[in-house]
Amino acid sequence: MRRLLAFLVLALSAWATLAQPAAKPTRILFIGNSLTSATDIPGRLAKLAKAMGRPVEVEAVVSNGYSLEDHWNEHSARAAIRKGWDIVVLQQGTSARADSRAQLVEYAKKFAGPIREAGAKPALYMVWPLSDRPYEFLGAMEAYRAAAEAVDGLLLPVGEAWFRALTKDKRLRLYGDAIHPGSLGSDLTVLTIYLSIFPAGPQEFDEAFVAKIARQLEIPERLRDALFDAATLAIDQPLRITK
């Protein structure tokens, strides 16, 4: 009888596990240019999320050199938004100058309408300046913060993470060329986006959690703490910018 009861308990437990519905994937659409596509940031994010047990569906509408105004006028991005998403990530260039900042805010607002109509939340993917223009980091940070605030959107503070990392160690090879991320820059970019979209609580954010992400992204051991510090501080403790 005891064996029969034990068998029934195990069978019911297995049935209950199988009967649980699969977790609904988070659907993410990227709209941007080669700063999104050059090293396949969407694909890398999807791979990391899957490894961390976060099912996602990711697509991208990207064109080299495009601003959000270009995407708005070209219509493909708006057509993609109507397919329905949880998060729509908006990205253009550095946007540190006053005119490009105004453009970023204006077209983030325009995109926010159809994004919310589709049931999604807008997110702003903060990028970085050309490698020979480090003085534009703060302007880029201000621009993307302003755009995220204007649409009550999620800020993905990648540019600030880059700034923090390079401020600590100017020798870090985040750039692959004058503007696009190299392998390490892509690691920091994906890490920052992932932790922004899927924030980890204090109980989850332990050594095993950090080690698992680092292995998946293939972050060198000697640089692991520097990249995690840059990403988490950019998310949790944004730099105060004073004029």
C-alpha atoms as a PDB file:
ATOM      1  CA  MET A   1       0.000   0.000   0.000  1.00  0.00           C
ATOM      2  CA  ARG A   2       2.788   2.416   0.880  1.00  0.00           C
ATOM      3  CA  ARG A   3       4.476   1.724  -2.445  1.00  0.00           C
ATOM      4  CA  LEU A   4       1.205   2.352  -4.243  1.00  0.00           C
ATOM      5  CA  LEU A   5       0.681   5.638  -2.393  1.00  0.00           C
ATOM      6  CA  ALA A   6       4.245   6.735  -3.133  1.00  0.00           C
ATOM      7  CA  PHE A   7       3.754   5.915  -6.797  1.00  0.00           C
ATOM      8  CA  LEU A   8       0.516   7.896  -6.896  1.00  0.00           C
ATOM      9  CA  VAL A   9       2.174  10.908  -5.250  1.00  0.00           C
ATOM     10  CA  LEU A  10       5.018  10.842  -7.794  1.00  0.00           C
ATOM     11  CA  ALA A  11       2.589  10.417 -10.676  1.00  0.00           C
ATOM     12  CA  LEU A  12       0.428  13.318  -9.520  1.00  0.00           C
ATOM     13  CA  SER A  13       3.497  15.504  -9.045  1.00  0.00           C
ATOM     14  CA  ALA A  14       4.725  14.723 -12.552  1.00  0.00           C
ATOM     15  CA  TRP A  15       1.268  15.370 -13.997  1.00  0.00           C
ATOM     16  CA  ALA A  16       1.024  18.712 -12.202  1.00  0.00           C
ATOM     17  CA  THR A  17       4.399  19.739 -13.601  1.00  0.00           C
ATOM     18  CA  LEU A  18       3.422  18.774 -17.137  1.00  0.00           C
ATOM     19  CA  ALA A  19       0.042  20.456 -16.776  1.00  0.00           C
ATOM     20  CA  GLN A  20       1.571  23.830 -15.961  1.00  0.00           C
ATOM     21  CA  PRO A  21       1.363  26.158 -18.972  1.00  0.00           C
ATOM     22  CA  ALA A  22       4.659  27.180 -20.544  1.00  0.00           C
ATOM     23  CA  ALA A  23       5.842  30.635 -19.565  1.00  0.00           C
ATOM     24  CA  LYS A  24       4.674  33.255 -22.034  1.00  0.00           C
ATOM     25  CA  PRO A  25       7.664  34.671 -23.932  1.00  0.00           C
ATOM     26  CA  THR A  26       8.520  38.337 -23.675  1.00  0.00           C
ATOM     27  CA  ARG A  27       8.180  39.755 -27.185  1.00  0.00           C
ATOM     28  CA  ILE A  28      10.772  42.427 -28.021  1.00  0.00           C
ATOM     29  CA  LEU A  29      11.072  44.467 -31.218  1.00  0.00           C
ATOM     30  CA  PHE A  30      14.205  46.510 -31.955  1.00  0.00           C
ATOM     31  CA  ILE A  31      14.015  49.548 -34.242  1.00  0.00           C
ATOM     32  CA  GLY A  32      17.370  51.091 -35.053  1.00  0.00           C
ATOM     33  CA  ASN A  33      20.460  51.072 -37.213  1.00  0.00           C
ATOM     34  CA  SER A  34      23.825  49.325 -37.403  1.00  0.00           C
ATOM     35  CA  LEU A  35      24.506  49.965 -33.712  1.00  0.00           C
ATOM     36  CA  THR A  36      21.795  47.370 -33.176  1.00  0.00           C
ATOM     37  CA  SER A  37      22.557  45.056 -36.097  1.00  0.00           C
ATOM     38  CA  ALA A  38      26.345  45.094 -36.620  1.00  0.00           C
ATOM     39  CA  THR A  39      26.993  42.499 -33.915  1.00  0.00           C
ATOM     40  CA  ASP A  40      23.395  41.212 -33.744  1.00  0.00           C
ATOM     41  CA  ILE A  41      22.480  42.685 -30.376  1.00  0.00           C
ATOM     42  CA  PRO A  42      18.885  41.320 -30.620  1.00  0.00           C
ATOM     43  CA  GLY A  43      20.091  37.787 -31.365  1.00  0.00           C
ATOM     44  CA  ARG A  44      22.670  37.884 -28.571  1.00  0.00           C
ATOM     45  CA  LEU A  45      20.029  39.131 -26.147  1.00  0.00           C
ATOM     46  CA  ALA A  46      17.677  36.312 -27.140  1.00  0.00           C
ATOM     47  CA  LYS A  47      20.415  33.724 -26.655  1.00  0.00           C
ATOM     48  CA  LEU A  48      21.275  35.056 -23.194  1.00  0.00           C
ATOM     49  CA  ALA A  49      17.631  35.264 -22.127  1.00  0.00           C
ATOM     50  CA  LYS A  50      17.011  31.675 -23.195  1.00  0.00           C
ATOM     51  CA  ALA A  51      20.046  30.475 -21.247  1.00  0.00           C
ATOM     52  CA  MET A  52      18.777  32.316 -18.178  1.00  0.00           C
ATOM     53  CA  GLY A  53      15.322  30.744 -18.403  1.00  0.00           C
ATOM     54  CA  ARG A  54      13.609  33.853 -19.778  1.00  0.00           C
ATOM     55  CA  PRO A  55      11.767  32.885 -22.972  1.00  0.00           C
ATOM     56  CA  VAL A  56      11.767  35.697 -25.514  1.00  0.00           C
ATOM     57  CA  GLU A  57      10.767  36.351 -29.098  1.00  0.00           C
ATOM     58  CA  VAL A  58      12.934  38.988 -30.722  1.00  0.00           C
ATOM     59  CA  GLU A  59      12.748  40.732 -34.077  1.00  0.00           C
ATOM     60  CA  ALA A  60      14.419  43.824 -35.499  1.00  0.00           C
ATOM     61  CA  VAL A  61      13.773  46.489 -38.110  1.00  0.00           C
ATOM     62  CA  VAL A  62      17.164  48.041 -38.839  1.00  0.00           C
ATOM     63  CA  SER A  63      18.716  50.102 -41.611  1.00  0.00           C
ATOM     64  CA  ASN A  64      22.260  51.445 -41.620  1.00  0.00           C
ATOM     65  CA  GLY A  65      22.483  55.111 -40.723  1.00  0.00           C
ATOM     66  CA  TYR A  66      18.781  55.459 -39.991  1.00  0.00           C
ATOM     67  CA  SER A  67      17.388  57.841 -37.405  1.00  0.00           C
ATOM     68  CA  LEU A  68      13.963  57.381 -35.854  1.00  0.00           C
ATOM     69  CA  GLU A  69      12.676  60.012 -38.277  1.00  0.00           C
ATOM     70  CA  ASP A  70      13.886  57.864 -41.196  1.00  0.00           C
ATOM     71  CA  HIS A  71      12.126  54.814 -39.758  1.00  0.00           C
ATOM     72  CA  TRP A  72       8.935  56.805 -39.214  1.00  0.00           C
ATOM     73  CA  ASN A  73       8.897  58.023 -42.802  1.00  0.00           C
ATOM     74  CA  GLU A  74       9.756  54.606 -44.264  1.00  0.00           C
ATOM     75  CA  HIS A  75       6.752  52.844 -42.617  1.00  0.00           C
ATOM     76  CA  SER A  76       8.274  49.348 -42.173  1.00  0.00           C
ATOM     77  CA  ALA A  77       8.847  49.916 -38.472  1.00  0.00           C
ATOM     78  CA  ARG A  78       5.260  50.999 -37.880  1.00  0.00           C
ATOM     79  CA  ALA A  79       4.003  47.964 -39.759  1.00  0.00           C
ATOM     80  CA  ALA A  80       6.154  45.720 -37.566  1.00  0.00           C
ATOM     81  CA  ILE A  81       4.869  47.398 -34.383  1.00  0.00           C
ATOM     82  CA  ARG A  82       1.297  46.481 -35.294  1.00  0.00           C
ATOM     83  CA  LYS A  83       2.186  42.780 -35.001  1.00  0.00           C
ATOM     84  CA  GLY A  84       2.078  43.202 -31.221  1.00  0.00           C
ATOM     85  CA  TRP A  85       4.941  43.239 -28.690  1.00  0.00           C
ATOM     86  CA  ASP A  86       5.691  43.641 -25.024  1.00  0.00           C
ATOM     87  CA  ILE A  87       8.620  46.023 -25.516  1.00  0.00           C
ATOM     88  CA  VAL A  88       9.650  48.083 -28.533  1.00  0.00           C
ATOM     89  CA  VAL A  89      13.248  49.313 -28.349  1.00  0.00           C
ATOM     90  CA  LEU A  90      14.025  52.583 -30.133  1.00  0.00           C
ATOM     91  CA  GLN A  91      17.572  53.540 -31.125  1.00  0.00           C
ATOM     92  CA  GLN A  92      19.274  56.088 -33.336  1.00  0.00           C
ATOM     93  CA  GLY A  93      22.728  57.694 -33.287  1.00  0.00           C
ATOM     94  CA  THR A  94      24.545  59.433 -30.445  1.00  0.00           C
ATOM     95  CA  SER A  95      22.099  62.370 -30.499  1.00  0.00           C
ATOM     96  CA  ALA A  96      24.361  64.560 -28.370  1.00  0.00           C
ATOM     97  CA  ARG A  97      23.827  67.740 -30.400  1.00  0.00           C
ATOM     98  CA  ALA A  98      20.801  69.886 -29.625  1.00  0.00           C
ATOM     99  CA  ASP A  99      19.149  69.287 -33.011  1.00  0.00           C
ATOM    100  CA  SER A 100      19.564  65.497 -32.966  1.00  0.00           C
ATOM    101  CA  ARG A 101      18.429  65.373 -29.342  1.00  0.00           C
ATOM    102  CA  ALA A 102      15.267  67.270 -30.282  1.00  0.00           C
ATOM    103  CA  GLN A 103      14.743  64.850 -33.189  1.00  0.00           C
ATOM    104  CA  LEU A 104      15.167  61.859 -30.884  1.00  0.00           C
ATOM    105  CA  VAL A 105      12.596  63.164 -28.416  1.00  0.00           C
ATOM    106  CA  GLU A 106      10.156  64.190 -31.142  1.00  0.00           C
ATOM    107  CA  TYR A 107      10.149  60.840 -32.923  1.00  0.00           C
ATOM    108  CA  ALA A 108      10.216  58.817 -29.723  1.00  0.00           C
ATOM    109  CA  LYS A 109       6.952  60.598 -28.917  1.00  0.00           C
ATOM    110  CA  LYS A 110       5.558  59.813 -32.360  1.00  0.00           C
ATOM    111  CA  PHE A 111       6.466  56.145 -32.078  1.00  0.00           C
ATOM    112  CA  ALA A 112       5.094  55.923 -28.541  1.00  0.00           C
ATOM    113  CA  GLY A 113       1.523  56.267 -29.852  1.00  0.00           C
ATOM    114  CA  PRO A 114       1.430  53.176 -32.095  1.00  0.00           C
ATOM    115  CA  ILE A 115       3.639  51.271 -29.631  1.00  0.00           C
ATOM    116  CA  ARG A 116       1.129  51.705 -26.808  1.00  0.00           C
ATOM    117  CA  GLU A 117      -1.801  51.062 -29.147  1.00  0.00           C
ATOM    118  CA  ALA A 118      -0.189  47.687 -29.891  1.00  0.00           C
ATOM    119  CA  GLY A 119      -0.051  46.948 -26.162  1.00  0.00           C
ATOM    120  CA  ALA A 120       3.702  47.444 -25.809  1.00  0.00           C
ATOM    121  CA  LYS A 121       5.995  49.656 -23.742  1.00  0.00           C
ATOM    122  CA  PRO A 122       8.549  51.899 -25.476  1.00  0.00           C
ATOM    123  CA  ALA A 123      12.195  51.554 -24.471  1.00  0.00           C
ATOM    124  CA  LEU A 124      15.124  53.811 -25.381  1.00  0.00           C
ATOM    125  CA  TYR A 125      18.446  52.115 -26.153  1.00  0.00           C
ATOM    126  CA  MET A 126      21.029  54.719 -25.159  1.00  0.00           C
ATOM    127  CA  VAL A 127      24.087  54.466 -27.374  1.00  0.00           C
ATOM    128  CA  TRP A 128      27.591  55.986 -27.278  1.00  0.00           C
ATOM    129  CA  PRO A 129      29.601  58.505 -29.330  1.00  0.00           C
ATOM    130  CA  LEU A 130      32.304  57.982 -31.916  1.00  0.00           C
ATOM    131  CA  SER A 131      35.512  56.697 -30.357  1.00  0.00           C
ATOM    132  CA  ASP A 132      37.274  60.028 -30.969  1.00  0.00           C
ATOM    133  CA  ARG A 133      34.439  62.057 -29.371  1.00  0.00           C
ATOM    134  CA  PRO A 134      34.302  60.922 -25.749  1.00  0.00           C
ATOM    135  CA  TYR A 135      33.170  64.427 -24.797  1.00  0.00           C
ATOM    136  CA  GLU A 136      29.766  63.538 -26.320  1.00  0.00           C
ATOM    137  CA  PHE A 137      28.994  60.803 -23.783  1.00  0.00           C
ATOM    138  CA  LEU A 138      27.186  63.133 -21.393  1.00  0.00           C
ATOM    139  CA  GLY A 139      25.171  64.685 -24.214  1.00  0.00           C
ATOM    140  CA  ALA A 140      24.080  61.241 -25.393  1.00  0.00           C
ATOM    141  CA  MET A 141      23.094  60.293 -21.865  1.00  0.00           C
ATOM    142  CA  GLU A 142      21.014  63.444 -21.479  1.00  0.00           C
ATOM    143  CA  ALA A 143      19.330  62.946 -24.861  1.00  0.00           C
ATOM    144  CA  TYR A 144      18.208  59.379 -24.261  1.00  0.00           C
ATOM    145  CA  ARG A 145      17.150  60.115 -20.705  1.00  0.00           C
ATOM    146  CA  ALA A 146      15.020  62.987 -22.008  1.00  0.00           C
ATOM    147  CA  ALA A 147      13.438  60.775 -24.677  1.00  0.00           C
ATOM    148  CA  ALA A 148      12.644  57.986 -22.201  1.00  0.00           C
ATOM    149  CA  GLU A 149      11.112  60.486 -19.791  1.00  0.00           C
ATOM    150  CA  ALA A 150       9.084  62.121 -22.560  1.00  0.00           C
ATOM    151  CA  VAL A 151       7.360  58.828 -23.397  1.00  0.00           C
ATOM    152  CA  ASP A 152       7.344  57.348 -19.877  1.00  0.00           C
ATOM    153  CA  GLY A 153       9.448  54.551 -21.329  1.00  0.00           C
ATOM    154  CA  LEU A 154      12.080  52.113 -20.161  1.00  0.00           C
ATOM    155  CA  LEU A 155      15.634  53.412 -20.380  1.00  0.00           C
ATOM    156  CA  LEU A 156      18.341  50.953 -21.444  1.00  0.00           C
ATOM    157  CA  PRO A 157      21.399  52.965 -20.303  1.00  0.00           C
ATOM    158  CA  VAL A 158      24.034  51.253 -22.413  1.00  0.00           C
ATOM    159  CA  GLY A 159      25.855  54.503 -23.214  1.00  0.00           C
ATOM    160  CA  GLU A 160      26.229  55.277 -19.525  1.00  0.00           C
ATOM    161  CA  ALA A 161      27.545  51.754 -18.873  1.00  0.00           C
ATOM    162  CA  TRP A 162      30.159  52.314 -21.591  1.00  0.00           C
ATOM    163  CA  PHE A 163      31.059  55.679 -20.064  1.00  0.00           C
ATOM    164  CA  ARG A 164      31.472  54.179 -16.591  1.00  0.00           C
ATOM    165  CA  ALA A 165      33.584  51.292 -17.878  1.00  0.00           C
ATOM    166  CA  LEU A 166      35.868  53.527 -19.944  1.00  0.00           C
ATOM    167  CA  THR A 167      36.195  56.052 -17.134  1.00  0.00           C
ATOM    168  CA  LYS A 168      37.574  53.273 -14.934  1.00  0.00           C
ATOM    169  CA  ASP A 169      39.808  51.804 -17.646  1.00  0.00           C
ATOM    170  CA  LYS A 170      40.421  53.672 -20.905  1.00  0.00           C
ATOM    171  CA  ARG A 171      42.220  50.604 -22.276  1.00  0.00           C
ATOM    172  CA  LEU A 172      39.019  48.561 -22.509  1.00  0.00           C
ATOM    173  CA  ARG A 173      38.416  47.664 -26.141  1.00  0.00           C
ATOM    174  CA  LEU A 174      34.690  48.304 -26.321  1.00  0.00           C
ATOM    175  CA  TYR A 175      34.844  49.642 -29.883  1.00  0.00           C
ATOM    176  CA  GLY A 176      35.247  47.386 -32.896  1.00  0.00           C
ATOM    177  CA  ASP A 177      35.780  50.364 -35.192  1.00  0.00           C
ATOM    178  CA  ALA A 178      35.162  54.090 -34.905  1.00  0.00           C
ATOM    179  CA  ILE A 179      31.542  53.639 -33.786  1.00  0.00           C
ATOM    180  CA  HIS A 180      30.387  50.003 -33.713  1.00  0.00           C
ATOM    181  CA  PRO A 181      30.889  47.752 -30.699  1.00  0.00           C
ATOM    182  CA  GLY A 182      33.503  45.061 -30.724  1.00  0.00           C
ATOM    183  CA  SER A 183      33.051  41.768 -28.902  1.00  0.00           C
ATOM    184  CA  LEU A 184      33.564  43.263 -25.437  1.00  0.00           C
ATOM    185  CA  GLY A 185      31.398  46.288 -26.215  1.00  0.00           C
ATOM    186  CA  SER A 186      28.650  43.954 -27.409  1.00  0.00           C
ATOM    187  CA  ASP A 187      28.939  41.974 -24.171  1.00  0.00           C
ATOM    188  CA  LEU A 188      28.464  45.131 -22.105  1.00  0.00           C
ATOM    189  CA  THR A 189      25.607  46.256 -24.343  1.00  0.00           C
ATOM    190  CA  VAL A 190      23.695  42.975 -24.086  1.00  0.00           C
ATOM    191  CA  LEU A 191      24.384  42.723 -20.345  1.00  0.00           C
ATOM    192  CA  THR A 192      22.964  46.196 -19.727  1.00  0.00           C
ATOM    193  CA  ILE A 193      19.898  45.615 -21.890  1.00  0.00           C
ATOM    194  CA  TYR A 194      19.209  42.222 -20.303  1.00  0.00           C
ATOM    195  CA  LEU A 195      19.461  43.509 -16.723  1.00  0.00           C
ATOM    196  CA  SER A 196      17.266  46.506 -17.615  1.00  0.00           C
ATOM    197  CA  ILE A 197      14.497  44.373 -19.125  1.00  0.00           C
ATOM    198  CA  PHE A 198      14.798  41.491 -16.649  1.00  0.00           C
ATOM    199  CA  PRO A 199      15.895  43.061 -13.342  1.00  0.00           C
ATOM    200  CA  ALA A 200      17.143  40.581 -10.757  1.00  0.00           C
ATOM    201  CA  GLY A 201      16.204  40.867  -7.108  1.00  0.00           C
ATOM    202  CA  PRO A 202      18.821  40.683  -4.332  1.00  0.00           C
ATOM    203  CA  GLN A 203      18.121  36.997  -3.716  1.00  0.00           C
ATOM    204  CA  GLU A 204      18.599  36.115  -7.388  1.00  0.00           C
ATOM    205  CA  PHE A 205      21.623  38.329  -7.998  1.00  0.00           C
ATOM    206  CA  ASP A 206      24.227  36.073  -6.451  1.00  0.00           C
ATOM    207  CA  GLU A 207      27.575  34.646  -7.536  1.00  0.00           C
ATOM    208  CA  ALA A 208      25.943  31.804  -9.466  1.00  0.00           C
ATOM    209  CA  PHE A 209      23.727  34.272 -11.366  1.00  0.00           C
ATOM    210  CA  VAL A 210      26.676  36.482 -12.312  1.00  0.00           C
ATOM    211  CA  ALA A 211      28.830  33.509 -13.279  1.00  0.00           C
ATOM    212  CA  LYS A 212      26.111  32.055 -15.500  1.00  0.00           C
ATOM    213  CA  ILE A 213      25.659  35.306 -17.439  1.00  0.00           C
ATOM    214  CA  ALA A 214      29.420  35.766 -17.743  1.00  0.00           C
ATOM    215  CA  ARG A 215      29.835  32.247 -19.150  1.00  0.00           C
ATOM    216  CA  GLN A 216      27.026  32.719 -21.632  1.00  0.00           C
ATOM    217  CA  LEU A 217      28.440  36.031 -22.885  1.00  0.00           C
ATOM    218  CA  GLU A 218      32.003  34.677 -22.690  1.00  0.00           C
ATOM    219  CA  ILE A 219      33.142  37.686 -20.665  1.00  0.00           C
ATOM    220  CA  PRO A 220      36.815  37.286 -19.671  1.00  0.00           C
ATOM    221  CA  GLU A 221      37.137  36.535 -15.958  1.00  0.00           C
ATOM    222  CA  ARG A 222      39.463  39.477 -15.369  1.00  0.00           C
ATOM    223  CA  LEU A 223      36.873  41.898 -16.799  1.00  0.00           C
ATOM    224  CA  ARG A 224      33.720  40.369 -15.351  1.00  0.00           C
ATOM    225  CA  ASP A 225      33.382  42.588 -12.282  1.00  0.00           C
ATOM    226  CA  ALA A 226      34.196  45.757 -14.220  1.00  0.00           C
ATOM    227  CA  LEU A 227      31.447  45.096 -16.772  1.00  0.00           C
ATOM    228  CA  PHE A 228      28.847  44.090 -14.185  1.00  0.00           C
ATOM    229  CA  ASP A 229      29.661  47.145 -12.064  1.00  0.00           C
ATOM    230  CA  ALA A 230      29.323  49.455 -15.077  1.00  0.00           C
ATOM    231  CA  ALA A 231      25.977  47.952 -16.118  1.00  0.00           C
ATOM    232  CA  THR A 232      24.371  47.728 -12.689  1.00  0.00           C
ATOM    233  CA  LEU A 233      25.461  51.198 -11.607  1.00  0.00           C
ATOM    234  CA  ALA A 234      24.177  52.722 -14.856  1.00  0.00           C
ATOM    235  CA  ILE A 235      20.800  51.091 -14.199  1.00  0.00           C
ATOM    236  CA  ASP A 236      20.486  51.585 -10.441  1.00  0.00           C
ATOM    237  CA  GLN A 237      22.527  54.721  -9.771  1.00  0.00           C
ATOM    238  CA  PRO A 238      22.400  56.990 -12.837  1.00  0.00           C
ATOM    239  CA  LEU A 239      25.124  59.604 -12.911  1.00  0.00           C
ATOM    240  CA  ARG A 240      24.038  63.083 -11.991  1.00  0.00           C
ATOM    241  CA  ILE A 241      24.915  65.411 -14.844  1.00  0.00           C
ATOM    242  CA  THR A 242      25.667  68.990 -13.853  1.00  0.00           C
ATOM    243  CA  LYS A 243      26.142  71.872 -16.230  1.00  0.00           C
END
